[in-house]
mmCIF file of all heavy atoms, coordinates in Angstrom:
data_MODEL
# 
_entry.id   MODEL 
# 
loop_
_atom_site.group_PDB 
_atom_site.id 
_atom_site.type_symbol 
_atom_site.label_atom_id 
_atom_site.label_alt_id 
_atom_site.label_comp_id 
_atom_site.label_asym_id 
_atom_site.label_entity_id 
_atom_site.label_seq_id 
_atom_site.pdbx_PDB_ins_code 
_atom_site.Cartn_x 
_atom_site.Cartn_y 
_atom_site.Cartn_z 
_atom_site.occupancy 
_atom_site.B_iso_or_equiv 
_atom_site.pdbx_formal_charge 
_atom_site.auth_seq_id 
_atom_site.auth_comp_id 
_atom_site.auth_asym_id 
_atom_site.auth_atom_id 
_atom_site.pdbx_PDB_model_num 
ATOM 1   N N   . ALA A 1 1  ? -10.827 6.860   9.206  1.00 0.00 ? 1  ALA A N   1 
ATOM 2   C CA  . ALA A 1 1  ? -11.645 8.026   9.572  1.00 0.00 ? 1  ALA A CA  1 
ATOM 3   C C   . ALA A 1 1  ? -12.777 7.636   10.520 1.00 0.00 ? 1  ALA A C   1 
ATOM 4   O O   . ALA A 1 1  ? -13.134 8.405   11.415 1.00 0.00 ? 1  ALA A O   1 
ATOM 5   C CB  . ALA A 1 1  ? -12.220 8.675   8.313  1.00 0.00 ? 1  ALA A CB  1 
ATOM 6   N N   . CYS A 1 2  ? -13.308 6.441   10.348 1.00 0.00 ? 2  CYS A N   1 
ATOM 7   C CA  . CYS A 1 2  ? -14.391 5.973   11.213 1.00 0.00 ? 2  CYS A CA  1 
ATOM 8   C C   . CYS A 1 2  ? -13.898 5.597   12.606 1.00 0.00 ? 2  CYS A C   1 
ATOM 9   O O   . CYS A 1 2  ? -14.706 5.365   13.505 1.00 0.00 ? 2  CYS A O   1 
ATOM 10  C CB  . CYS A 1 2  ? -15.098 4.781   10.573 1.00 0.00 ? 2  CYS A CB  1 
ATOM 11  S SG  . CYS A 1 2  ? -16.050 5.220   9.109  1.00 0.00 ? 2  CYS A SG  1 
ATOM 12  N N   . CYS A 1 3  ? -12.600 5.558   12.807 1.00 0.00 ? 3  CYS A N   1 
ATOM 13  C CA  . CYS A 1 3  ? -12.018 5.186   14.099 1.00 0.00 ? 3  CYS A CA  1 
ATOM 14  C C   . CYS A 1 3  ? -11.614 6.399   14.928 1.00 0.00 ? 3  CYS A C   1 
ATOM 15  O O   . CYS A 1 3  ? -10.853 6.258   15.891 1.00 0.00 ? 3  CYS A O   1 
ATOM 16  C CB  . CYS A 1 3  ? -10.799 4.281   13.872 1.00 0.00 ? 3  CYS A CB  1 
ATOM 17  S SG  . CYS A 1 3  ? -11.217 2.673   13.227 1.00 0.00 ? 3  CYS A SG  1 
ATOM 18  N N   . ARG A 1 4  ? -12.101 7.557   14.595 1.00 0.00 ? 4  ARG A N   1 
ATOM 19  C CA  . ARG A 1 4  ? -11.683 8.769   15.312 1.00 0.00 ? 4  ARG A CA  1 
ATOM 20  C C   . ARG A 1 4  ? -11.897 8.679   16.816 1.00 0.00 ? 4  ARG A C   1 
ATOM 21  O O   . ARG A 1 4  ? -11.079 9.138   17.593 1.00 0.00 ? 4  ARG A O   1 
ATOM 22  C CB  . ARG A 1 4  ? -12.438 9.980   14.766 1.00 0.00 ? 4  ARG A CB  1 
ATOM 23  C CG  . ARG A 1 4  ? -11.921 10.443  13.437 1.00 0.00 ? 4  ARG A CG  1 
ATOM 24  C CD  . ARG A 1 4  ? -12.598 11.751  13.031 1.00 0.00 ? 4  ARG A CD  1 
ATOM 25  N NE  . ARG A 1 4  ? -12.118 12.157  11.741 1.00 0.00 ? 4  ARG A NE  1 
ATOM 26  C CZ  . ARG A 1 4  ? -12.877 12.203  10.655 1.00 0.00 ? 4  ARG A CZ  1 
ATOM 27  N NH1 . ARG A 1 4  ? -14.142 11.876  10.716 1.00 0.00 ? 4  ARG A NH1 1 
ATOM 28  N NH2 . ARG A 1 4  ? -12.365 12.599  9.511  1.00 0.00 ? 4  ARG A NH2 1 
ATOM 29  N N   . LYS A 1 5  ? -13.019 8.097   17.236 1.00 0.00 ? 5  LYS A N   1 
ATOM 30  C CA  . LYS A 1 5  ? -13.330 8.032   18.669 1.00 0.00 ? 5  LYS A CA  1 
ATOM 31  C C   . LYS A 1 5  ? -12.361 7.140   19.438 1.00 0.00 ? 5  LYS A C   1 
ATOM 32  O O   . LYS A 1 5  ? -12.208 7.303   20.643 1.00 0.00 ? 5  LYS A O   1 
ATOM 33  C CB  . LYS A 1 5  ? -14.750 7.512   18.882 1.00 0.00 ? 5  LYS A CB  1 
ATOM 34  C CG  . LYS A 1 5  ? -15.814 8.486   18.466 1.00 0.00 ? 5  LYS A CG  1 
ATOM 35  C CD  . LYS A 1 5  ? -17.183 7.929   18.753 1.00 0.00 ? 5  LYS A CD  1 
ATOM 36  C CE  . LYS A 1 5  ? -18.264 8.898   18.327 1.00 0.00 ? 5  LYS A CE  1 
ATOM 37  N NZ  . LYS A 1 5  ? -19.607 8.364   18.584 1.00 0.00 ? 5  LYS A NZ  1 
ATOM 38  N N   . ILE A 1 6  ? -11.722 6.204   18.750 1.00 0.00 ? 6  ILE A N   1 
ATOM 39  C CA  . ILE A 1 6  ? -10.824 5.267   19.423 1.00 0.00 ? 6  ILE A CA  1 
ATOM 40  C C   . ILE A 1 6  ? -9.385  5.410   18.941 1.00 0.00 ? 6  ILE A C   1 
ATOM 41  O O   . ILE A 1 6  ? -8.561  4.533   19.160 1.00 0.00 ? 6  ILE A O   1 
ATOM 42  C CB  . ILE A 1 6  ? -11.316 3.812   19.244 1.00 0.00 ? 6  ILE A CB  1 
ATOM 43  C CG1 . ILE A 1 6  ? -11.415 3.440   17.765 1.00 0.00 ? 6  ILE A CG1 1 
ATOM 44  C CG2 . ILE A 1 6  ? -12.619 3.590   19.972 1.00 0.00 ? 6  ILE A CG2 1 
ATOM 45  C CD1 . ILE A 1 6  ? -11.699 1.975   17.493 1.00 0.00 ? 6  ILE A CD1 1 
ATOM 46  N N   . LYS A 1 7  ? -9.081  6.522   18.330 1.00 0.00 ? 7  LYS A N   1 
ATOM 47  C CA  . LYS A 1 7  ? -7.773  6.695   17.686 1.00 0.00 ? 7  LYS A CA  1 
ATOM 48  C C   . LYS A 1 7  ? -6.596  6.524   18.633 1.00 0.00 ? 7  LYS A C   1 
ATOM 49  O O   . LYS A 1 7  ? -5.524  6.106   18.219 1.00 0.00 ? 7  LYS A O   1 
ATOM 50  C CB  . LYS A 1 7  ? -7.688  8.037   16.980 1.00 0.00 ? 7  LYS A CB  1 
ATOM 51  C CG  . LYS A 1 7  ? -7.689  9.227   17.908 1.00 0.00 ? 7  LYS A CG  1 
ATOM 52  C CD  . LYS A 1 7  ? -7.663  10.517  17.143 1.00 0.00 ? 7  LYS A CD  1 
ATOM 53  C CE  . LYS A 1 7  ? -7.692  11.695  18.088 1.00 0.00 ? 7  LYS A CE  1 
ATOM 54  N NZ  . LYS A 1 7  ? -7.741  12.946  17.363 1.00 0.00 ? 7  LYS A NZ  1 
ATOM 55  N N   . GLU A 1 8  ? -6.767  6.814   19.900 1.00 0.00 ? 8  GLU A N   1 
ATOM 56  C CA  . GLU A 1 8  ? -5.668  6.695   20.861 1.00 0.00 ? 8  GLU A CA  1 
ATOM 57  C C   . GLU A 1 8  ? -5.405  5.245   21.251 1.00 0.00 ? 8  GLU A C   1 
ATOM 58  O O   . GLU A 1 8  ? -4.361  4.935   21.803 1.00 0.00 ? 8  GLU A O   1 
ATOM 59  C CB  . GLU A 1 8  ? -5.969  7.522   22.117 1.00 0.00 ? 8  GLU A CB  1 
ATOM 60  C CG  . GLU A 1 8  ? -6.187  8.999   21.844 1.00 0.00 ? 8  GLU A CG  1 
ATOM 61  C CD  . GLU A 1 8  ? -4.992  9.674   21.194 1.00 0.00 ? 8  GLU A CD  1 
ATOM 62  O OE1 . GLU A 1 8  ? -3.853  9.316   21.529 1.00 0.00 ? 8  GLU A OE1 1 
ATOM 63  O OE2 . GLU A 1 8  ? -5.205  10.564  20.361 1.00 0.00 ? 8  GLU A OE2 1 
ATOM 64  N N   . ARG A 1 9  ? -6.356  4.350   20.966 1.00 0.00 ? 9  ARG A N   1 
ATOM 65  C CA  . ARG A 1 9  ? -6.224  2.960   21.409 1.00 0.00 ? 9  ARG A CA  1 
ATOM 66  C C   . ARG A 1 9  ? -5.955  1.971   20.280 1.00 0.00 ? 9  ARG A C   1 
ATOM 67  O O   . ARG A 1 9  ? -5.712  0.797   20.547 1.00 0.00 ? 9  ARG A O   1 
ATOM 68  C CB  . ARG A 1 9  ? -7.498  2.545   22.150 1.00 0.00 ? 9  ARG A CB  1 
ATOM 69  C CG  . ARG A 1 9  ? -7.695  3.302   23.450 1.00 0.00 ? 9  ARG A CG  1 
ATOM 70  C CD  . ARG A 1 9  ? -8.871  2.783   24.240 1.00 0.00 ? 9  ARG A CD  1 
ATOM 71  N NE  . ARG A 1 9  ? -10.122 2.784   23.511 1.00 0.00 ? 9  ARG A NE  1 
ATOM 72  C CZ  . ARG A 1 9  ? -10.943 3.826   23.382 1.00 0.00 ? 9  ARG A CZ  1 
ATOM 73  N NH1 . ARG A 1 9  ? -10.619 4.974   23.928 1.00 0.00 ? 9  ARG A NH1 1 
ATOM 74  N NH2 . ARG A 1 9  ? -12.074 3.728   22.724 1.00 0.00 ? 9  ARG A NH2 1 
ATOM 75  N N   . ILE A 1 10 ? -5.999  2.407   19.038 1.00 0.00 ? 10 ILE A N   1 
ATOM 76  C CA  . ILE A 1 10 ? -5.788  1.464   17.943 1.00 0.00 ? 10 ILE A CA  1 
ATOM 77  C C   . ILE A 1 10 ? -4.368  1.557   17.412 1.00 0.00 ? 10 ILE A C   1 
ATOM 78  O O   . ILE A 1 10 ? -3.700  2.567   17.570 1.00 0.00 ? 10 ILE A O   1 
ATOM 79  C CB  . ILE A 1 10 ? -6.778  1.687   16.782 1.00 0.00 ? 10 ILE A CB  1 
ATOM 80  C CG1 . ILE A 1 10 ? -6.613  3.080   16.179 1.00 0.00 ? 10 ILE A CG1 1 
ATOM 81  C CG2 . ILE A 1 10 ? -8.201  1.439   17.223 1.00 0.00 ? 10 ILE A CG2 1 
ATOM 82  C CD1 . ILE A 1 10 ? -7.400  3.305   14.912 1.00 0.00 ? 10 ILE A CD1 1 
ATOM 83  N N   . GLY A 1 11 ? -3.926  0.483   16.813 1.00 0.00 ? 11 GLY A N   1 
ATOM 84  C CA  . GLY A 1 11 ? -2.637  0.474   16.141 1.00 0.00 ? 11 GLY A CA  1 
ATOM 85  C C   . GLY A 1 11 ? -2.877  0.344   14.648 1.00 0.00 ? 11 GLY A C   1 
ATOM 86  O O   . GLY A 1 11 ? -3.807  -0.346  14.224 1.00 0.00 ? 11 GLY A O   1 
ATOM 87  N N   . ALA A 1 12 ? -2.089  1.001   13.857 1.00 0.00 ? 12 ALA A N   1 
ATOM 88  C CA  . ALA A 1 12 ? -2.222  0.907   12.401 1.00 0.00 ? 12 ALA A CA  1 
ATOM 89  C C   . ALA A 1 12 ? -0.850  0.612   11.813 1.00 0.00 ? 12 ALA A C   1 
ATOM 90  O O   . ALA A 1 12 ? 0.166   1.092   12.304 1.00 0.00 ? 12 ALA A O   1 
ATOM 91  C CB  . ALA A 1 12 ? -2.777  2.206   11.827 1.00 0.00 ? 12 ALA A CB  1 
ATOM 92  N N   . PHE A 1 13 ? -0.841  -0.211  10.786 1.00 0.00 ? 13 PHE A N   1 
ATOM 93  C CA  . PHE A 1 13 ? 0.419   -0.562  10.157 1.00 0.00 ? 13 PHE A CA  1 
ATOM 94  C C   . PHE A 1 13 ? 0.198   -0.897  8.687  1.00 0.00 ? 13 PHE A C   1 
ATOM 95  O O   . PHE A 1 13 ? -0.929  -1.129  8.262  1.00 0.00 ? 13 PHE A O   1 
ATOM 96  C CB  . PHE A 1 13 ? 1.071   -1.750  10.877 1.00 0.00 ? 13 PHE A CB  1 
ATOM 97  C CG  . PHE A 1 13 ? 0.216   -2.995  10.865 1.00 0.00 ? 13 PHE A CG  1 
ATOM 98  C CD1 . PHE A 1 13 ? 0.391   -3.947  9.880  1.00 0.00 ? 13 PHE A CD1 1 
ATOM 99  C CD2 . PHE A 1 13 ? -0.746  -3.207  11.835 1.00 0.00 ? 13 PHE A CD2 1 
ATOM 100 C CE1 . PHE A 1 13 ? -0.393  -5.094  9.854  1.00 0.00 ? 13 PHE A CE1 1 
ATOM 101 C CE2 . PHE A 1 13 ? -1.526  -4.344  11.829 1.00 0.00 ? 13 PHE A CE2 1 
ATOM 102 C CZ  . PHE A 1 13 ? -1.355  -5.293  10.834 1.00 0.00 ? 13 PHE A CZ  1 
ATOM 103 N N   . THR A 1 14 ? 1.276   -0.869  7.934  1.00 0.00 ? 14 THR A N   1 
ATOM 104 C CA  . THR A 1 14 ? 1.246   -1.301  6.540  1.00 0.00 ? 14 THR A CA  1 
ATOM 105 C C   . THR A 1 14 ? 2.184   -2.500  6.408  1.00 0.00 ? 14 THR A C   1 
ATOM 106 O O   . THR A 1 14 ? 3.063   -2.706  7.239  1.00 0.00 ? 14 THR A O   1 
ATOM 107 C CB  . THR A 1 14 ? 1.706   -0.186  5.579  1.00 0.00 ? 14 THR A CB  1 
ATOM 108 O OG1 . THR A 1 14 ? 3.014   0.229   5.947  1.00 0.00 ? 14 THR A OG1 1 
ATOM 109 C CG2 . THR A 1 14 ? 0.763   0.999   5.613  1.00 0.00 ? 14 THR A CG2 1 
ATOM 110 N N   . ILE A 1 15 ? 1.953   -3.293  5.402  1.00 0.00 ? 15 ILE A N   1 
ATOM 111 C CA  . ILE A 1 15 ? 2.765   -4.483  5.164  1.00 0.00 ? 15 ILE A CA  1 
ATOM 112 C C   . ILE A 1 15 ? 3.467   -4.316  3.824  1.00 0.00 ? 15 ILE A C   1 
ATOM 113 O O   . ILE A 1 15 ? 2.835   -4.011  2.811  1.00 0.00 ? 15 ILE A O   1 
ATOM 114 C CB  . ILE A 1 15 ? 1.897   -5.746  5.146  1.00 0.00 ? 15 ILE A CB  1 
ATOM 115 C CG1 . ILE A 1 15 ? 1.206   -5.934  6.493  1.00 0.00 ? 15 ILE A CG1 1 
ATOM 116 C CG2 . ILE A 1 15 ? 2.735   -6.967  4.791  1.00 0.00 ? 15 ILE A CG2 1 
ATOM 117 C CD1 . ILE A 1 15 ? 0.203   -7.042  6.521  1.00 0.00 ? 15 ILE A CD1 1 
ATOM 118 N N   . ASP A 1 16 ? 4.755   -4.515  3.836  1.00 0.00 ? 16 ASP A N   1 
ATOM 119 C CA  . ASP A 1 16 ? 5.542   -4.409  2.615  1.00 0.00 ? 16 ASP A CA  1 
ATOM 120 C C   . ASP A 1 16 ? 5.682   -5.794  1.982  1.00 0.00 ? 16 ASP A C   1 
ATOM 121 O O   . ASP A 1 16 ? 6.038   -6.754  2.646  1.00 0.00 ? 16 ASP A O   1 
ATOM 122 C CB  . ASP A 1 16 ? 6.918   -3.843  2.960  1.00 0.00 ? 16 ASP A CB  1 
ATOM 123 C CG  . ASP A 1 16 ? 7.763   -3.581  1.726  1.00 0.00 ? 16 ASP A CG  1 
ATOM 124 O OD1 . ASP A 1 16 ? 7.207   -3.575  0.616  1.00 0.00 ? 16 ASP A OD1 1 
ATOM 125 O OD2 . ASP A 1 16 ? 8.968   -3.385  1.880  1.00 0.00 ? 16 ASP A OD2 1 
ATOM 126 N N   . HIS A 1 17 ? 5.331   -5.885  0.720  1.00 0.00 ? 17 HIS A N   1 
ATOM 127 C CA  . HIS A 1 17 ? 5.585   -7.102  -0.029 1.00 0.00 ? 17 HIS A CA  1 
ATOM 128 C C   . HIS A 1 17 ? 5.847   -6.727  -1.483 1.00 0.00 ? 17 HIS A C   1 
ATOM 129 O O   . HIS A 1 17 ? 5.577   -5.610  -1.904 1.00 0.00 ? 17 HIS A O   1 
ATOM 130 C CB  . HIS A 1 17 ? 4.448   -8.125  0.106  1.00 0.00 ? 17 HIS A CB  1 
ATOM 131 C CG  . HIS A 1 17 ? 3.118   -7.626  -0.349 1.00 0.00 ? 17 HIS A CG  1 
ATOM 132 N ND1 . HIS A 1 17 ? 2.700   -7.689  -1.658 1.00 0.00 ? 17 HIS A ND1 1 
ATOM 133 C CD2 . HIS A 1 17 ? 2.108   -7.049  0.341  1.00 0.00 ? 17 HIS A CD2 1 
ATOM 134 C CE1 . HIS A 1 17 ? 1.491   -7.177  -1.750 1.00 0.00 ? 17 HIS A CE1 1 
ATOM 135 N NE2 . HIS A 1 17 ? 1.111   -6.784  -0.566 1.00 0.00 ? 17 HIS A NE2 1 
ATOM 136 N N   . ALA A 1 18 ? 6.392   -7.642  -2.234 1.00 0.00 ? 18 ALA A N   1 
ATOM 137 C CA  . ALA A 1 18 ? 6.886   -7.360  -3.584 1.00 0.00 ? 18 ALA A CA  1 
ATOM 138 C C   . ALA A 1 18 ? 5.846   -6.748  -4.514 1.00 0.00 ? 18 ALA A C   1 
ATOM 139 O O   . ALA A 1 18 ? 6.177   -5.945  -5.377 1.00 0.00 ? 18 ALA A O   1 
ATOM 140 C CB  . ALA A 1 18 ? 7.446   -8.636  -4.207 1.00 0.00 ? 18 ALA A CB  1 
ATOM 141 N N   . GLU A 1 19 ? 4.589   -7.079  -4.336 1.00 0.00 ? 19 GLU A N   1 
ATOM 142 C CA  . GLU A 1 19 ? 3.557   -6.591  -5.248 1.00 0.00 ? 19 GLU A CA  1 
ATOM 143 C C   . GLU A 1 19 ? 2.644   -5.546  -4.608 1.00 0.00 ? 19 GLU A C   1 
ATOM 144 O O   . GLU A 1 19 ? 1.536   -5.321  -5.072 1.00 0.00 ? 19 GLU A O   1 
ATOM 145 C CB  . GLU A 1 19 ? 2.750   -7.781  -5.765 1.00 0.00 ? 19 GLU A CB  1 
ATOM 146 C CG  . GLU A 1 19 ? 3.627   -8.740  -6.566 1.00 0.00 ? 19 GLU A CG  1 
ATOM 147 C CD  . GLU A 1 19 ? 2.858   -9.944  -7.071 1.00 0.00 ? 19 GLU A CD  1 
ATOM 148 O OE1 . GLU A 1 19 ? 1.638   -9.851  -7.221 1.00 0.00 ? 19 GLU A OE1 1 
ATOM 149 O OE2 . GLU A 1 19 ? 3.502   -10.971 -7.316 1.00 0.00 ? 19 GLU A OE2 1 
ATOM 150 N N   . ALA A 1 20 ? 3.125   -4.904  -3.560 1.00 0.00 ? 20 ALA A N   1 
ATOM 151 C CA  . ALA A 1 20 ? 2.307   -3.924  -2.848 1.00 0.00 ? 20 ALA A CA  1 
ATOM 152 C C   . ALA A 1 20 ? 2.096   -2.647  -3.650 1.00 0.00 ? 20 ALA A C   1 
ATOM 153 O O   . ALA A 1 20 ? 1.161   -1.911  -3.401 1.00 0.00 ? 20 ALA A O   1 
ATOM 154 C CB  . ALA A 1 20 ? 2.939   -3.587  -1.502 1.00 0.00 ? 20 ALA A CB  1 
ATOM 155 N N   . GLY A 1 21 ? 2.960   -2.378  -4.607 1.00 0.00 ? 21 GLY A N   1 
ATOM 156 C CA  . GLY A 1 21 ? 2.805   -1.167  -5.410 1.00 0.00 ? 21 GLY A CA  1 
ATOM 157 C C   . GLY A 1 21 ? 3.003   0.080   -4.578 1.00 0.00 ? 21 GLY A C   1 
ATOM 158 O O   . GLY A 1 21 ? 3.741   0.085   -3.600 1.00 0.00 ? 21 GLY A O   1 
ATOM 159 N N   . PRO A 1 22 ? 2.322   1.157   -4.942 1.00 0.00 ? 22 PRO A N   1 
ATOM 160 C CA  . PRO A 1 22 ? 2.534   2.431   -4.241 1.00 0.00 ? 22 PRO A CA  1 
ATOM 161 C C   . PRO A 1 22 ? 2.026   2.427   -2.801 1.00 0.00 ? 22 PRO A C   1 
ATOM 162 O O   . PRO A 1 22 ? 2.440   3.251   -2.004 1.00 0.00 ? 22 PRO A O   1 
ATOM 163 C CB  . PRO A 1 22 ? 1.756   3.433   -5.086 1.00 0.00 ? 22 PRO A CB  1 
ATOM 164 C CG  . PRO A 1 22 ? 0.738   2.621   -5.794 1.00 0.00 ? 22 PRO A CG  1 
ATOM 165 C CD  . PRO A 1 22 ? 1.376   1.273   -6.034 1.00 0.00 ? 22 PRO A CD  1 
ATOM 166 N N   . ASP A 1 23 ? 1.140   1.477   -2.446 1.00 0.00 ? 23 ASP A N   1 
ATOM 167 C CA  . ASP A 1 23 ? 0.605   1.456   -1.090 1.00 0.00 ? 23 ASP A CA  1 
ATOM 168 C C   . ASP A 1 23 ? 1.692   1.334   -0.037 1.00 0.00 ? 23 ASP A C   1 
ATOM 169 O O   . ASP A 1 23 ? 1.593   1.879   1.039  1.00 0.00 ? 23 ASP A O   1 
ATOM 170 C CB  . ASP A 1 23 ? -0.385  0.309   -0.906 1.00 0.00 ? 23 ASP A CB  1 
ATOM 171 C CG  . ASP A 1 23 ? -1.670  0.524   -1.677 1.00 0.00 ? 23 ASP A CG  1 
ATOM 172 O OD1 . ASP A 1 23 ? -1.887  1.666   -2.140 1.00 0.00 ? 23 ASP A OD1 1 
ATOM 173 O OD2 . ASP A 1 23 ? -2.433  -0.412  -1.819 1.00 0.00 ? 23 ASP A OD2 1 
ATOM 174 N N   . ARG A 1 24 ? 2.754   0.612   -0.331 1.00 0.00 ? 24 ARG A N   1 
ATOM 175 C CA  . ARG A 1 24 ? 3.801   0.436   0.668  1.00 0.00 ? 24 ARG A CA  1 
ATOM 176 C C   . ARG A 1 24 ? 4.691   1.642   0.799  1.00 0.00 ? 24 ARG A C   1 
ATOM 177 O O   . ARG A 1 24 ? 5.452   1.772   1.755  1.00 0.00 ? 24 ARG A O   1 
ATOM 178 C CB  . ARG A 1 24 ? 4.648   -0.784  0.333  1.00 0.00 ? 24 ARG A CB  1 
ATOM 179 C CG  . ARG A 1 24 ? 5.475   -0.606  -0.891 1.00 0.00 ? 24 ARG A CG  1 
ATOM 180 C CD  . ARG A 1 24 ? 6.296   -1.833  -1.174 1.00 0.00 ? 24 ARG A CD  1 
ATOM 181 N NE  . ARG A 1 24 ? 6.990   -1.649  -2.423 1.00 0.00 ? 24 ARG A NE  1 
ATOM 182 C CZ  . ARG A 1 24 ? 7.679   -2.567  -3.022 1.00 0.00 ? 24 ARG A CZ  1 
ATOM 183 N NH1 . ARG A 1 24 ? 7.775   -3.745  -2.486 1.00 0.00 ? 24 ARG A NH1 1 
ATOM 184 N NH2 . ARG A 1 24 ? 8.288   -2.325  -4.149 1.00 0.00 ? 24 ARG A NH2 1 
ATOM 185 N N   . ASP A 1 25 ? 4.624   2.568   -0.147 1.00 0.00 ? 25 ASP A N   1 
ATOM 186 C CA  . ASP A 1 25 ? 5.471   3.753   -0.140 1.00 0.00 ? 25 ASP A CA  1 
ATOM 187 C C   . ASP A 1 25 ? 4.816   4.963   0.520  1.00 0.00 ? 25 ASP A C   1 
ATOM 188 O O   . ASP A 1 25 ? 5.438   5.980   0.693  1.00 0.00 ? 25 ASP A O   1 
ATOM 189 C CB  . ASP A 1 25 ? 5.893   4.129   -1.564 1.00 0.00 ? 25 ASP A CB  1 
ATOM 190 C CG  . ASP A 1 25 ? 6.706   3.029   -2.214 1.00 0.00 ? 25 ASP A CG  1 
ATOM 191 O OD1 . ASP A 1 25 ? 7.453   2.338   -1.495 1.00 0.00 ? 25 ASP A OD1 1 
ATOM 192 O OD2 . ASP A 1 25 ? 6.586   2.858   -3.429 1.00 0.00 ? 25 ASP A OD2 1 
ATOM 193 N N   . ILE A 1 26 ? 3.556   4.845   0.878  1.00 0.00 ? 26 ILE A N   1 
ATOM 194 C CA  . ILE A 1 26 ? 2.827   5.976   1.450  1.00 0.00 ? 26 ILE A CA  1 
ATOM 195 C C   . ILE A 1 26 ? 2.553   5.651   2.909  1.00 0.00 ? 26 ILE A C   1 
ATOM 196 O O   . ILE A 1 26 ? 1.738   4.808   3.220  1.00 0.00 ? 26 ILE A O   1 
ATOM 197 C CB  . ILE A 1 26 ? 1.507   6.227   0.695  1.00 0.00 ? 26 ILE A CB  1 
ATOM 198 C CG1 . ILE A 1 26 ? 1.813   6.516   -0.790 1.00 0.00 ? 26 ILE A CG1 1 
ATOM 199 C CG2 . ILE A 1 26 ? 0.745   7.388   1.328  1.00 0.00 ? 26 ILE A CG2 1 
ATOM 200 C CD1 . ILE A 1 26 ? 0.598   6.595   -1.656 1.00 0.00 ? 26 ILE A CD1 1 
# 
């Protein structure tokens, strides 16, 4: 949310690993 001003220039990703829990599913 704090990156709104630069949202067009940033990349976001999630990392899947065995113990990621629900975070990797969203």
